[in-house]
C-alpha atoms as a PDB file:
ATOM      1  CA  MET A   1      25.951  19.971 -39.593  1.00  0.00           C
ATOM      2  CA  THR A   2      26.550  17.631 -42.479  1.00  0.00           C
ATOM      3  CA  GLU A   3      24.351  17.081 -45.494  1.00  0.00           C
ATOM      4  CA  SER A   4      23.514  13.540 -44.366  1.00  0.00           C
ATOM      5  CA  THR A   5      21.896  14.710 -41.103  1.00  0.00           C
ATOM      6  CA  LYS A   6      19.538  17.333 -42.598  1.00  0.00           C
ATOM      7  CA  PRO A   7      17.112  14.852 -44.221  1.00  0.00           C
ATOM      8  CA  THR A   8      17.069  12.791 -41.032  1.00  0.00           C
ATOM      9  CA  ASN A   9      16.191  15.815 -38.915  1.00  0.00           C
ATOM     10  CA  ARG A  10      13.505  16.899 -41.359  1.00  0.00           C
ATOM     11  CA  ARG A  11      12.192  13.360 -41.512  1.00  0.00           C
ATOM     12  CA  THR A  12      12.098  13.182 -37.723  1.00  0.00           C
ATOM     13  CA  VAL A  13      10.090  16.390 -37.521  1.00  0.00           C
ATOM     14  CA  VAL A  14       7.640  15.240 -40.200  1.00  0.00           C
ATOM     15  CA  LEU A  15       7.195  11.814 -38.591  1.00  0.00           C
ATOM     16  CA  GLY A  16       6.775  13.375 -35.169  1.00  0.00           C
ATOM     17  CA  ALA A  17       4.103  15.745 -36.470  1.00  0.00           C
ATOM     18  CA  ALA A  18       2.284  12.898 -38.203  1.00  0.00           C
ATOM     19  CA  MET A  19       2.334  10.808 -35.038  1.00  0.00           C
ATOM     20  CA  ALA A  20       1.115  13.720 -32.915  1.00  0.00           C
ATOM     21  CA  ALA A  21      -1.718  14.367 -35.370  1.00  0.00           C
ATOM     22  CA  SER A  22      -2.837  10.732 -35.133  1.00  0.00           C
ATOM     23  CA  LEU A  23      -2.985  10.661 -31.317  1.00  0.00           C
ATOM     24  CA  PRO A  24      -6.609  11.839 -31.045  1.00  0.00           C
ATOM     25  CA  PHE A  25      -7.631   8.818 -33.110  1.00  0.00           C
ATOM     26  CA  LEU A  26      -5.653   6.433 -30.926  1.00  0.00           C
ATOM     27  CA  ALA A  27      -6.501   7.913 -27.520  1.00  0.00           C
ATOM     28  CA  PRO A  28      -9.766   7.074 -25.777  1.00  0.00           C
ATOM     29  CA  ASN A  29     -12.576   9.597 -25.805  1.00  0.00           C
ATOM     30  CA  ALA A  30     -11.702  12.411 -23.400  1.00  0.00           C
ATOM     31  CA  ALA A  31     -15.114  12.141 -21.761  1.00  0.00           C
ATOM     32  CA  GLN A  32     -14.487   8.469 -21.098  1.00  0.00           C
ATOM     33  CA  ALA A  33     -10.904   8.798 -19.870  1.00  0.00           C
ATOM     34  CA  GLY A  34     -10.348   6.953 -16.603  1.00  0.00           C
ATOM     35  CA  VAL A  35     -13.844   5.406 -16.390  1.00  0.00           C
ATOM     36  CA  VAL A  36     -14.555   1.871 -15.328  1.00  0.00           C
ATOM     37  CA  THR A  37     -17.241  -0.502 -16.523  1.00  0.00           C
ATOM     38  CA  GLN A  38     -20.609  -0.548 -14.806  1.00  0.00           C
ATOM     39  CA  ALA A  39     -19.897  -4.062 -13.548  1.00  0.00           C
ATOM     40  CA  ASN A  40     -16.584  -3.041 -11.983  1.00  0.00           C
ATOM     41  CA  ALA A  41     -18.228  -0.007 -10.360  1.00  0.00           C
ATOM     42  CA  LYS A  42     -21.008  -2.254  -9.005  1.00  0.00           C
ATOM     43  CA  TYR A  43     -23.524   0.072 -10.690  1.00  0.00           C
ATOM     44  CA  GLN A  44     -27.202  -0.589  -9.998  1.00  0.00           C
ATOM     45  CA  PRO A  45     -30.041   1.270 -11.764  1.00  0.00           C
ATOM     46  CA  ASN A  46     -31.939   1.726  -8.477  1.00  0.00           C
ATOM     47  CA  PRO A  47     -31.078   3.932  -5.480  1.00  0.00           C
ATOM     48  CA  LYS A  48     -29.818   2.782  -2.098  1.00  0.00           C
ATOM     49  CA  GLY A  49     -31.476   4.889   0.548  1.00  0.00           C
ATOM     50  CA  ALA A  50     -30.802   8.575  -0.092  1.00  0.00           C
ATOM     51  CA  ASN A  51     -27.722   7.841  -2.224  1.00  0.00           C
ATOM     52  CA  HIS A  52     -28.453   8.121  -5.936  1.00  0.00           C
ATOM     53  CA  CYS A  53     -26.641   9.383  -9.003  1.00  0.00           C
ATOM     54  CA  SER A  54     -28.580  12.628  -9.448  1.00  0.00           C
ATOM     55  CA  ILE A  55     -26.993  14.022  -6.268  1.00  0.00           C
ATOM     56  CA  CYS A  56     -23.542  12.534  -6.919  1.00  0.00           C
ATOM     57  CA  ASN A  57     -20.579  14.773  -7.700  1.00  0.00           C
ATOM     58  CA  TYR A  58     -19.634  12.598 -10.698  1.00  0.00           C
ATOM     59  CA  PHE A  59     -23.062  12.521 -12.412  1.00  0.00           C
ATOM     60  CA  ILE A  60     -23.499  14.505 -15.652  1.00  0.00           C
ATOM     61  CA  PRO A  61     -27.245  14.968 -16.202  1.00  0.00           C
ATOM     62  CA  GLY A  62     -28.982  14.389 -19.530  1.00  0.00           C
ATOM     63  CA  PRO A  63     -30.459  17.234 -21.601  1.00  0.00           C
ATOM     64  CA  LYS A  64     -33.780  17.344 -19.679  1.00  0.00           C
ATOM     65  CA  ALA A  65     -34.513  16.924 -15.977  1.00  0.00           C
ATOM     66  CA  GLY A  66     -34.951  13.247 -15.178  1.00  0.00           C
ATOM     67  CA  ASP A  67     -33.216  12.024 -18.352  1.00  0.00           C
ATOM     68  CA  ASN A  68     -30.435   9.478 -18.153  1.00  0.00           C
ATOM     69  CA  GLY A  69     -26.968  10.983 -18.120  1.00  0.00           C
ATOM     70  CA  THR A  70     -23.345   9.938 -17.929  1.00  0.00           C
ATOM     71  CA  CYS A  71     -20.742   9.697 -15.195  1.00  0.00           C
ATOM     72  CA  LYS A  72     -17.176  10.906 -14.794  1.00  0.00           C
ATOM     73  CA  GLN A  73     -16.236   7.574 -13.202  1.00  0.00           C
ATOM     74  CA  VAL A  74     -18.515   4.938 -14.776  1.00  0.00           C
ATOM     75  CA  ALA A  75     -18.901   4.165 -18.495  1.00  0.00           C
ATOM     76  CA  GLY A  76     -22.217   4.067 -20.297  1.00  0.00           C
ATOM     77  CA  VAL A  77     -25.675   5.483 -19.766  1.00  0.00           C
ATOM     78  CA  ILE A  78     -26.394   6.269 -16.123  1.00  0.00           C
ATOM     79  CA  SER A  79     -29.817   6.602 -14.520  1.00  0.00           C
ATOM     80  CA  PRO A  80     -30.276   9.582 -12.179  1.00  0.00           C
ATOM     81  CA  ASN A  81     -31.822   7.053  -9.770  1.00  0.00           C
ATOM     82  CA  GLY A  82     -28.867   4.659 -10.034  1.00  0.00           C
ATOM     83  CA  ARG A  83     -25.990   4.142  -7.656  1.00  0.00           C
ATOM     84  CA  CYS A  84     -22.484   2.670  -7.513  1.00  0.00           C
ATOM     85  CA  GLN A  85     -19.528   2.294  -5.201  1.00  0.00           C
ATOM     86  CA  PHE A  86     -18.067   5.680  -6.241  1.00  0.00           C
ATOM     87  CA  PHE A  87     -20.970   7.731  -4.880  1.00  0.00           C
ATOM     88  CA  ALA A  88     -19.779  11.129  -3.607  1.00  0.00           C
ATOM     89  CA  LYS A  89     -22.537  13.484  -2.533  1.00  0.00           C
ATOM     90  CA  LYS A  90     -22.451  16.954  -4.123  1.00  0.00           C
ATOM     91  CA  ALA A  91     -21.885  19.813  -1.737  1.00  0.00           C
ATOM     92  CA  GLY A  92     -25.240  21.299  -0.835  1.00  0.00           C
ATOM     93  CA  ALA A  93     -27.248  18.326  -2.125  1.00  0.00           C
END
């Protein structure tokens, strides 16, 4: 190894570490990864028959029963009475 390659290797490591440290700021929120807009999901705030968000596998309920929550597939605030094209009934619901 020559003297001229040592600073380059060190520099590469430092730059790589700096870039890796900045990734969380550049990447989308982990909770929102892979979600689509409500419009693209054809989300509606009212149920369609027995299909509604509160019994969907993707629904993440709010802090209290009946509160709005979020969804693993659809961005934004989701009503437990809502529905969209990604509805997948929870097992046992």
